[in-house]
Amino acid sequence: MHRPLLLKTLVCLVVLALMVSAINPHDRTTWLLEVLPVALLLPALVYNHQRFPLSSLLYLLLAVQALGLIAGGHYTFARVPVGFWLQDWLDLSRNHYDRVGHFFQGVVPALIARELLVRKDRVHGKHLLPFVCVSMAMMLSAVYELVEWGTALALGQGAKAFLGMQGDQWDTQADMFCALLGSLTAMTLLVRLHDRSMAAIGKPQPVRSAIQGETVR
């Protein structure tokens, strides 16, 4: 699929999913809290697309994460049907859909950090770059857990569905561990694919002056 068509398709899918998810969600407050990041980030990405287009791989992963958040907002993360299917298939003790979401919460921010640092030539070093990217992903994961904590304090029992702990006292630690696994996966298994995707972004070609015979940009 050509890049412009891919990007338009992803935007349409996310917008359509947002509208459908707003129809009779399980808990309206949880829906609003879960889809708010998508509702804020999508216009920002569209607005900045011409100024600083991201790689197709990153746009695709952002769309997948957005669709995951939207589904979690509609059903609440503890009730997403895919999670129950995984629970039955793998004989798990709970619905682990939220763990998958936190795994992507490590993958996507790590790749965003990597793309910004590589393309802006900010960090050098074979080992320093992945370390910084994983650290930034973990910082975002920690901030998200603090947001959940603050929401729980502000809303009390009204935030129970948003937290989605399902009785697990180690839920916060497990969520951050999943984010760590996701960021490490991104920095090991997706690096080459990410490099190819960044290289495929259209860049202005050098233009040779017919008068001076010089290359200008």
C-alpha atoms as a PDB file:
ATOM      1  CA  MET A   1       0.000   0.000   0.000  1.00  0.00           C
ATOM      2  CA  HIS A   2       1.340   3.443  -0.931  1.00  0.00           C
ATOM      3  CA  ARG A   3       2.212   5.664   2.017  1.00  0.00           C
ATOM      4  CA  PRO A   4      -0.453   8.402   1.449  1.00  0.00           C
ATOM      5  CA  LEU A   5      -3.192   5.759   1.136  1.00  0.00           C
ATOM      6  CA  LEU A   6      -1.901   3.945   4.225  1.00  0.00           C
ATOM      7  CA  LEU A   7      -1.959   7.104   6.335  1.00  0.00           C
ATOM      8  CA  LYS A   8      -5.448   8.110   5.186  1.00  0.00           C
ATOM      9  CA  THR A   9      -6.711   4.584   5.886  1.00  0.00           C
ATOM     10  CA  LEU A  10      -5.240   4.596   9.399  1.00  0.00           C
ATOM     11  CA  VAL A  11      -6.777   7.988  10.215  1.00  0.00           C
ATOM     12  CA  CYS A  12     -10.180   6.877   8.938  1.00  0.00           C
ATOM     13  CA  LEU A  13     -10.029   3.643  10.960  1.00  0.00           C
ATOM     14  CA  VAL A  14      -9.152   5.460  14.180  1.00  0.00           C
ATOM     15  CA  VAL A  15     -11.807   8.151  13.697  1.00  0.00           C
ATOM     16  CA  LEU A  16     -14.454   5.541  12.846  1.00  0.00           C
ATOM     17  CA  ALA A  17     -13.491   3.448  15.869  1.00  0.00           C
ATOM     18  CA  LEU A  18     -13.747   6.541  18.097  1.00  0.00           C
ATOM     19  CA  MET A  19     -17.260   7.278  16.887  1.00  0.00           C
ATOM     20  CA  VAL A  20     -18.433   3.679  17.236  1.00  0.00           C
ATOM     21  CA  SER A  21     -16.889   3.342  20.701  1.00  0.00           C
ATOM     22  CA  ALA A  22     -18.906   6.329  21.916  1.00  0.00           C
ATOM     23  CA  ILE A  23     -22.141   4.373  21.381  1.00  0.00           C
ATOM     24  CA  ASN A  24     -23.248   2.907  24.713  1.00  0.00           C
ATOM     25  CA  PRO A  25     -19.835   2.289  26.316  1.00  0.00           C
ATOM     26  CA  HIS A  26     -19.771   0.152  29.459  1.00  0.00           C
ATOM     27  CA  ASP A  27     -18.752   3.139  31.580  1.00  0.00           C
ATOM     28  CA  ARG A  28     -18.850   6.658  30.122  1.00  0.00           C
ATOM     29  CA  THR A  29     -16.203   8.066  32.490  1.00  0.00           C
ATOM     30  CA  THR A  30     -13.786   5.220  31.717  1.00  0.00           C
ATOM     31  CA  TRP A  31     -14.403   5.659  28.000  1.00  0.00           C
ATOM     32  CA  LEU A  32     -13.570   9.357  28.213  1.00  0.00           C
ATOM     33  CA  LEU A  33     -10.389   8.759  30.221  1.00  0.00           C
ATOM     34  CA  GLU A  34      -9.148   6.027  27.881  1.00  0.00           C
ATOM     35  CA  VAL A  35      -9.851   7.736  24.541  1.00  0.00           C
ATOM     36  CA  LEU A  36      -8.722  11.211  25.636  1.00  0.00           C
ATOM     37  CA  PRO A  37      -5.054  10.590  24.682  1.00  0.00           C
ATOM     38  CA  VAL A  38      -6.181   9.441  21.224  1.00  0.00           C
ATOM     39  CA  ALA A  39      -8.487  12.424  20.777  1.00  0.00           C
ATOM     40  CA  LEU A  40      -5.618  14.782  21.663  1.00  0.00           C
ATOM     41  CA  LEU A  41      -2.791  13.053  19.805  1.00  0.00           C
ATOM     42  CA  LEU A  42      -4.556  12.390  16.497  1.00  0.00           C
ATOM     43  CA  PRO A  43      -5.096  16.062  15.550  1.00  0.00           C
ATOM     44  CA  ALA A  44      -1.526  16.850  16.617  1.00  0.00           C
ATOM     45  CA  LEU A  45      -0.125  14.127  14.361  1.00  0.00           C
ATOM     46  CA  VAL A  46      -2.246  15.267  11.417  1.00  0.00           C
ATOM     47  CA  TYR A  47      -1.233  18.897  11.968  1.00  0.00           C
ATOM     48  CA  ASN A  48       2.490  18.098  12.140  1.00  0.00           C
ATOM     49  CA  HIS A  49       2.481  15.573   9.297  1.00  0.00           C
ATOM     50  CA  GLN A  50       3.779  18.061   6.734  1.00  0.00           C
ATOM     51  CA  ARG A  51       6.325  19.617   9.100  1.00  0.00           C
ATOM     52  CA  PHE A  52       7.772  16.403  10.509  1.00  0.00           C
ATOM     53  CA  PRO A  53       6.295  13.222   9.001  1.00  0.00           C
ATOM     54  CA  LEU A  54       6.937  10.069  10.985  1.00  0.00           C
ATOM     55  CA  SER A  55       7.868   6.690   9.525  1.00  0.00           C
ATOM     56  CA  SER A  56       5.089   4.453   8.219  1.00  0.00           C
ATOM     57  CA  LEU A  57       5.984   1.815  10.814  1.00  0.00           C
ATOM     58  CA  LEU A  58       5.487   4.310  13.615  1.00  0.00           C
ATOM     59  CA  TYR A  59       2.176   5.537  12.218  1.00  0.00           C
ATOM     60  CA  LEU A  60       0.990   1.932  11.946  1.00  0.00           C
ATOM     61  CA  LEU A  61       1.965   1.114  15.538  1.00  0.00           C
ATOM     62  CA  LEU A  62       0.390   4.339  16.791  1.00  0.00           C
ATOM     63  CA  ALA A  63      -2.854   3.362  15.065  1.00  0.00           C
ATOM     64  CA  VAL A  64      -2.753  -0.120  16.610  1.00  0.00           C
ATOM     65  CA  GLN A  65      -2.203   1.356  20.058  1.00  0.00           C
ATOM     66  CA  ALA A  66      -4.994   3.889  19.502  1.00  0.00           C
ATOM     67  CA  LEU A  67      -7.429   1.148  18.466  1.00  0.00           C
ATOM     68  CA  GLY A  68      -6.422  -0.822  21.560  1.00  0.00           C
ATOM     69  CA  LEU A  69      -7.145   2.158  23.815  1.00  0.00           C
ATOM     70  CA  ILE A  70     -10.464   2.771  22.095  1.00  0.00           C
ATOM     71  CA  ALA A  71     -11.539  -0.847  22.593  1.00  0.00           C
ATOM     72  CA  GLY A  72     -10.458  -0.652  26.240  1.00  0.00           C
ATOM     73  CA  GLY A  73     -12.435   2.542  26.642  1.00  0.00           C
ATOM     74  CA  HIS A  74     -15.602   1.054  25.187  1.00  0.00           C
ATOM     75  CA  TYR A  75     -15.600  -2.230  27.108  1.00  0.00           C
ATOM     76  CA  THR A  76     -13.175  -1.253  29.938  1.00  0.00           C
ATOM     77  CA  PHE A  77      -9.886  -3.130  29.795  1.00  0.00           C
ATOM     78  CA  ALA A  78     -11.062  -5.870  32.151  1.00  0.00           C
ATOM     79  CA  ARG A  79     -13.977  -6.740  29.822  1.00  0.00           C
ATOM     80  CA  VAL A  80     -12.509  -6.600  26.299  1.00  0.00           C
ATOM     81  CA  PRO A  81     -13.617  -9.800  24.502  1.00  0.00           C
ATOM     82  CA  VAL A  82     -10.173 -10.459  22.998  1.00  0.00           C
ATOM     83  CA  GLY A  83      -8.787 -10.581  26.524  1.00  0.00           C
ATOM     84  CA  PHE A  84     -11.300 -13.230  27.545  1.00  0.00           C
ATOM     85  CA  TRP A  85     -10.391 -15.262  24.462  1.00  0.00           C
ATOM     86  CA  LEU A  86      -6.712 -15.111  25.460  1.00  0.00           C
ATOM     87  CA  GLN A  87      -7.648 -15.985  29.026  1.00  0.00           C
ATOM     88  CA  ASP A  88      -9.460 -19.137  27.904  1.00  0.00           C
ATOM     89  CA  TRP A  89      -6.858 -20.085  25.299  1.00  0.00           C
ATOM     90  CA  LEU A  90      -3.857 -19.707  27.626  1.00  0.00           C
ATOM     91  CA  ASP A  91      -5.728 -20.730  30.800  1.00  0.00           C
ATOM     92  CA  LEU A  92      -4.932 -17.431  32.516  1.00  0.00           C
ATOM     93  CA  SER A  93      -6.276 -16.313  35.878  1.00  0.00           C
ATOM     94  CA  ARG A  94      -7.562 -12.956  34.604  1.00  0.00           C
ATOM     95  CA  ASN A  95      -8.220 -10.894  31.501  1.00  0.00           C
ATOM     96  CA  HIS A  96      -4.739  -9.806  30.407  1.00  0.00           C
ATOM     97  CA  TYR A  97      -5.809  -7.383  27.675  1.00  0.00           C
ATOM     98  CA  ASP A  98      -4.407  -4.514  29.734  1.00  0.00           C
ATOM     99  CA  ARG A  99      -0.994  -6.219  29.804  1.00  0.00           C
ATOM    100  CA  VAL A 100      -0.950  -6.212  26.007  1.00  0.00           C
ATOM    101  CA  GLY A 101      -1.780  -2.524  26.090  1.00  0.00           C
ATOM    102  CA  HIS A 102       1.100  -1.772  28.451  1.00  0.00           C
ATOM    103  CA  PHE A 103       3.436  -3.822  26.243  1.00  0.00           C
ATOM    104  CA  PHE A 104       2.601  -1.464  23.370  1.00  0.00           C
ATOM    105  CA  GLN A 105       3.038   1.407  25.814  1.00  0.00           C
ATOM    106  CA  GLY A 106       6.686   0.363  25.827  1.00  0.00           C
ATOM    107  CA  VAL A 107       7.063  -0.370  22.112  1.00  0.00           C
ATOM    108  CA  VAL A 108       5.583   2.822  20.681  1.00  0.00           C
ATOM    109  CA  PRO A 109       7.191   5.471  22.952  1.00  0.00           C
ATOM    110  CA  ALA A 110      10.593   3.781  22.582  1.00  0.00           C
ATOM    111  CA  LEU A 111      10.330   3.971  18.794  1.00  0.00           C
ATOM    112  CA  ILE A 112       9.068   7.554  18.927  1.00  0.00           C
ATOM    113  CA  ALA A 113      12.084   8.489  21.028  1.00  0.00           C
ATOM    114  CA  ARG A 114      14.408   6.604  18.682  1.00  0.00           C
ATOM    115  CA  GLU A 115      12.993   8.260  15.585  1.00  0.00           C
ATOM    116  CA  LEU A 116      13.288  11.753  17.024  1.00  0.00           C
ATOM    117  CA  LEU A 117      16.807  11.186  18.329  1.00  0.00           C
ATOM    118  CA  VAL A 118      18.068   9.527  15.140  1.00  0.00           C
ATOM    119  CA  ARG A 119      16.533  11.922  12.645  1.00  0.00           C
ATOM    120  CA  LYS A 120      17.528  14.992  14.621  1.00  0.00           C
ATOM    121  CA  ASP A 121      20.988  13.499  15.229  1.00  0.00           C
ATOM    122  CA  ARG A 122      20.804  14.045  19.001  1.00  0.00           C
ATOM    123  CA  VAL A 123      22.261  10.851  20.460  1.00  0.00           C
ATOM    124  CA  HIS A 124      25.220   8.817  19.199  1.00  0.00           C
ATOM    125  CA  GLY A 125      26.550   5.470  20.297  1.00  0.00           C
ATOM    126  CA  LYS A 126      25.497   1.896  19.678  1.00  0.00           C
ATOM    127  CA  HIS A 127      24.508   1.321  23.294  1.00  0.00           C
ATOM    128  CA  LEU A 128      23.565   4.826  24.424  1.00  0.00           C
ATOM    129  CA  LEU A 129      20.697   5.253  21.937  1.00  0.00           C
ATOM    130  CA  PRO A 130      18.683   2.158  22.985  1.00  0.00           C
ATOM    131  CA  PHE A 131      19.363   2.928  26.656  1.00  0.00           C
ATOM    132  CA  VAL A 132      17.936   6.434  26.290  1.00  0.00           C
ATOM    133  CA  CYS A 133      14.924   5.157  24.321  1.00  0.00           C
ATOM    134  CA  VAL A 134      14.091   2.475  26.882  1.00  0.00           C
ATOM    135  CA  SER A 135      14.542   5.003  29.698  1.00  0.00           C
ATOM    136  CA  MET A 136      12.152   7.459  28.042  1.00  0.00           C
ATOM    137  CA  ALA A 137       9.560   4.722  27.503  1.00  0.00           C
ATOM    138  CA  MET A 138       9.807   3.710  31.153  1.00  0.00           C
ATOM    139  CA  MET A 139       9.488   7.329  32.244  1.00  0.00           C
ATOM    140  CA  LEU A 140       6.250   7.602  30.264  1.00  0.00           C
ATOM    141  CA  SER A 141       5.011   4.346  31.797  1.00  0.00           C
ATOM    142  CA  ALA A 142       5.735   5.683  35.291  1.00  0.00           C
ATOM    143  CA  VAL A 143       3.946   8.956  34.514  1.00  0.00           C
ATOM    144  CA  TYR A 144       0.918   7.008  33.264  1.00  0.00           C
ATOM    145  CA  GLU A 145       0.796   5.025  36.507  1.00  0.00           C
ATOM    146  CA  LEU A 146       0.972   8.286  38.468  1.00  0.00           C
ATOM    147  CA  VAL A 147      -1.929   9.617  36.388  1.00  0.00           C
ATOM    148  CA  GLU A 148      -3.917   6.488  37.247  1.00  0.00           C
ATOM    149  CA  TRP A 149      -3.083   6.985  40.932  1.00  0.00           C
ATOM    150  CA  GLY A 150      -4.161  10.635  40.802  1.00  0.00           C
ATOM    151  CA  THR A 151      -7.371   9.693  39.003  1.00  0.00           C
ATOM    152  CA  ALA A 152      -8.128   7.078  41.652  1.00  0.00           C
ATOM    153  CA  LEU A 153      -7.662   9.660  44.402  1.00  0.00           C
ATOM    154  CA  ALA A 154      -9.846  12.187  42.609  1.00  0.00           C
ATOM    155  CA  LEU A 155     -12.696   9.870  41.587  1.00  0.00           C
ATOM    156  CA  GLY A 156     -12.563   7.250  44.305  1.00  0.00           C
ATOM    157  CA  GLN A 157     -14.593   4.174  43.380  1.00  0.00           C
ATOM    158  CA  GLY A 158     -15.506   5.845  40.094  1.00  0.00           C
ATOM    159  CA  ALA A 159     -11.986   5.100  38.814  1.00  0.00           C
ATOM    160  CA  LYS A 160     -12.140   1.357  39.530  1.00  0.00           C
ATOM    161  CA  ALA A 161     -12.904   0.424  35.913  1.00  0.00           C
ATOM    162  CA  PHE A 162     -10.201   2.813  34.655  1.00  0.00           C
ATOM    163  CA  LEU A 163      -7.563   1.225  36.894  1.00  0.00           C
ATOM    164  CA  GLY A 164      -8.538  -2.298  35.808  1.00  0.00           C
ATOM    165  CA  MET A 165      -6.556  -3.960  38.607  1.00  0.00           C
ATOM    166  CA  GLN A 166      -8.881  -6.978  38.776  1.00  0.00           C
ATOM    167  CA  GLY A 167      -7.800  -7.648  42.344  1.00  0.00           C
ATOM    168  CA  ASP A 168      -4.077  -7.784  41.513  1.00  0.00           C
ATOM    169  CA  GLN A 169      -2.066  -5.960  44.186  1.00  0.00           C
ATOM    170  CA  TRP A 170       0.993  -5.982  41.919  1.00  0.00           C
ATOM    171  CA  ASP A 171      -0.871  -4.538  38.935  1.00  0.00           C
ATOM    172  CA  THR A 172       1.239  -1.366  38.729  1.00  0.00           C
ATOM    173  CA  GLN A 173       4.526  -3.268  38.814  1.00  0.00           C
ATOM    174  CA  ALA A 174       3.282  -5.795  36.262  1.00  0.00           C
ATOM    175  CA  ASP A 175       2.128  -2.998  33.937  1.00  0.00           C
ATOM    176  CA  MET A 176       5.537  -1.319  34.067  1.00  0.00           C
ATOM    177  CA  PHE A 177       7.293  -4.643  33.521  1.00  0.00           C
ATOM    178  CA  CYS A 178       5.205  -5.180  30.380  1.00  0.00           C
ATOM    179  CA  ALA A 179       6.199  -1.703  29.195  1.00  0.00           C
ATOM    180  CA  LEU A 180       9.838  -2.604  29.824  1.00  0.00           C
ATOM    181  CA  LEU A 181       9.462  -5.790  27.773  1.00  0.00           C
ATOM    182  CA  GLY A 182       7.836  -3.776  24.998  1.00  0.00           C
ATOM    183  CA  SER A 183      10.607  -1.173  24.884  1.00  0.00           C
ATOM    184  CA  LEU A 184      13.311  -3.854  24.908  1.00  0.00           C
ATOM    185  CA  THR A 185      11.508  -5.691  22.103  1.00  0.00           C
ATOM    186  CA  ALA A 186      11.393  -2.498  20.065  1.00  0.00           C
ATOM    187  CA  MET A 187      15.109  -1.867  20.571  1.00  0.00           C
ATOM    188  CA  THR A 188      16.095  -5.402  19.561  1.00  0.00           C
ATOM    189  CA  LEU A 189      13.625  -6.878  17.084  1.00  0.00           C
ATOM    190  CA  LEU A 190      12.282  -3.772  15.359  1.00  0.00           C
ATOM    191  CA  VAL A 191      15.425  -1.680  14.855  1.00  0.00           C
ATOM    192  CA  ARG A 192      16.212  -2.782  11.284  1.00  0.00           C
ATOM    193  CA  LEU A 193      12.595  -2.502  10.201  1.00  0.00           C
ATOM    194  CA  HIS A 194      12.417   0.926  11.812  1.00  0.00           C
ATOM    195  CA  ASP A 195      15.582   2.051   9.997  1.00  0.00           C
ATOM    196  CA  ARG A 196      14.148   0.962   6.636  1.00  0.00           C
ATOM    197  CA  SER A 197      10.876   2.691   7.379  1.00  0.00           C
ATOM    198  CA  MET A 198      12.650   5.936   8.277  1.00  0.00           C
ATOM    199  CA  ALA A 199      14.803   5.701   5.148  1.00  0.00           C
ATOM    200  CA  ALA A 200      11.658   5.393   3.014  1.00  0.00           C
ATOM    201  CA  ILE A 201      10.336   8.789   4.108  1.00  0.00           C
ATOM    202  CA  GLY A 202      10.463  11.148   1.158  1.00  0.00           C
ATOM    203  CA  LYS A 203      13.327  13.606   1.437  1.00  0.00           C
ATOM    204  CA  PRO A 204      14.119  16.584  -0.800  1.00  0.00           C
ATOM    205  CA  GLN A 205      16.712  15.650  -3.394  1.00  0.00           C
ATOM    206  CA  PRO A 206      19.791  17.817  -4.078  1.00  0.00           C
ATOM    207  CA  VAL A 207      19.309  20.210  -6.997  1.00  0.00           C
ATOM    208  CA  ARG A 208      22.280  21.082  -9.206  1.00  0.00           C
ATOM    209  CA  SER A 209      22.536  24.655 -10.321  1.00  0.00           C
ATOM    210  CA  ALA A 210      22.714  24.893 -14.128  1.00  0.00           C
ATOM    211  CA  ILE A 211      24.596  28.188 -13.929  1.00  0.00           C
ATOM    212  CA  GLN A 212      27.208  27.551 -11.259  1.00  0.00           C
ATOM    213  CA  GLY A 213      27.321  23.758 -11.398  1.00  0.00           C
ATOM    214  CA  GLU A 214      26.926  23.653  -7.640  1.00  0.00           C
ATOM    215  CA  THR A 215      24.724  21.419  -5.563  1.00  0.00           C
ATOM    216  CA  VAL A 216      22.170  23.272  -3.505  1.00  0.00           C
ATOM    217  CA  ARG A 217      19.438  22.080  -1.148  1.00  0.00           C
END
